[in-house]
Amino acid sequence: MTKQELNRDIKRFKKVFDSMEPLELSEAQAEFIRLYYADRKFEYMSKANVLFMLRINLRFVFVPLHHFGNKIKL
């Protein structure tokens, strides 16, 4: 997945997520996991997309908080 495809998919997920019903949480989890593991080091995600992923993870804890961003290079 290229940098552009990843950021595009995260933006699409954000639009869909804002209109989701709580019953569709398993679909949201599957998409979140797919996008998160596409770039675990956060090298290619834009700042806005990293903050969105963090916000969603803090709300639903799809990835344990002590593992989120574990591979990031500063």
Protein backbone atom coordinates (compact mmCIF):
# COMPACT_ATOMS: atom_id res chain seq x y z
CA MET A 1 0.00 0.00 0.00
CA THR A 2 1.45 3.35 -0.97
CA LYS A 3 1.47 6.48 1.14
CA GLN A 4 -1.31 8.06 -0.92
CA GLU A 5 -3.50 4.96 -0.79
CA LEU A 6 -3.12 4.68 2.98
CA ASN A 7 -4.05 8.30 3.67
CA ARG A 8 -6.93 8.09 1.18
CA ASP A 9 -8.30 4.96 2.86
CA ILE A 10 -8.05 6.55 6.32
CA LYS A 11 -9.97 9.61 5.11
CA ARG A 12 -12.66 7.33 3.65
CA PHE A 13 -12.82 5.39 6.91
CA LYS A 14 -13.23 8.65 8.81
CA LYS A 15 -16.23 9.66 6.66
CA VAL A 16 -17.84 6.23 7.04
CA PHE A 17 -17.05 6.04 10.76
CA ASP A 18 -18.78 9.35 11.51
CA SER A 19 -22.03 8.00 10.06
CA MET A 20 -21.82 4.46 11.55
CA GLU A 21 -24.30 2.94 13.92
CA PRO A 22 -22.95 1.36 17.13
CA LEU A 23 -24.07 -2.07 15.86
CA GLU A 24 -21.52 -1.91 13.03
CA LEU A 25 -18.60 -1.80 15.43
CA SER A 26 -17.15 -5.11 14.25
CA GLU A 27 -16.85 -3.72 10.71
CA ALA A 28 -15.16 -0.61 12.07
CA GLN A 29 -12.75 -2.75 14.07
CA ALA A 30 -11.79 -4.79 11.03
CA GLU A 31 -11.10 -1.66 8.96
CA PHE A 32 -9.18 -0.01 11.81
CA ILE A 33 -6.95 -3.06 12.24
CA ARG A 34 -6.30 -3.22 8.48
CA LEU A 35 -5.26 0.45 8.35
CA TYR A 36 -3.28 0.34 11.60
CA TYR A 37 -1.17 -2.64 10.55
CA ALA A 38 -0.56 -1.16 7.09
CA ASP A 39 1.76 1.39 8.74
CA ARG A 40 2.62 0.47 12.33
CA LYS A 41 5.59 2.84 12.39
CA PHE A 42 3.45 5.84 11.38
CA GLU A 43 5.95 6.75 8.67
CA TYR A 44 3.38 7.42 5.95
CA MET A 45 0.27 8.60 7.80
CA SER A 46 -0.35 12.32 7.88
CA LYS A 47 -0.56 14.05 11.23
CA ALA A 48 -4.35 14.44 10.99
CA ASN A 49 -4.75 10.74 10.20
CA VAL A 50 -2.53 9.66 13.10
CA LEU A 51 -4.60 11.82 15.44
CA PHE A 52 -7.83 10.32 14.06
CA MET A 53 -6.52 6.78 14.54
CA LEU A 54 -5.44 7.64 18.08
CA ARG A 55 -8.83 9.18 18.88
CA ILE A 56 -10.70 6.13 17.61
CA ASN A 57 -8.39 3.78 19.48
CA LEU A 58 -8.79 5.72 22.73
CA ARG A 59 -12.55 5.50 22.36
CA PHE A 60 -12.90 1.81 21.49
CA VAL A 61 -9.47 0.30 22.31
CA PHE A 62 -9.14 -1.84 19.19
CA VAL A 63 -5.39 -2.08 19.84
CA PRO A 64 -4.28 -2.18 23.50
CA LEU A 65 -3.09 1.26 24.52
CA HIS A 66 0.30 0.04 25.64
CA HIS A 67 0.91 -1.35 22.10
CA PHE A 68 -0.46 1.58 20.08
CA GLY A 69 2.41 3.32 18.30
CA ASN A 70 4.92 0.91 19.78
CA LYS A 71 7.05 0.76 16.62
CA ILE A 72 7.13 4.51 15.95
CA LYS A 73 10.46 6.04 15.00
CA LEU A 74 11.09 9.47 16.51
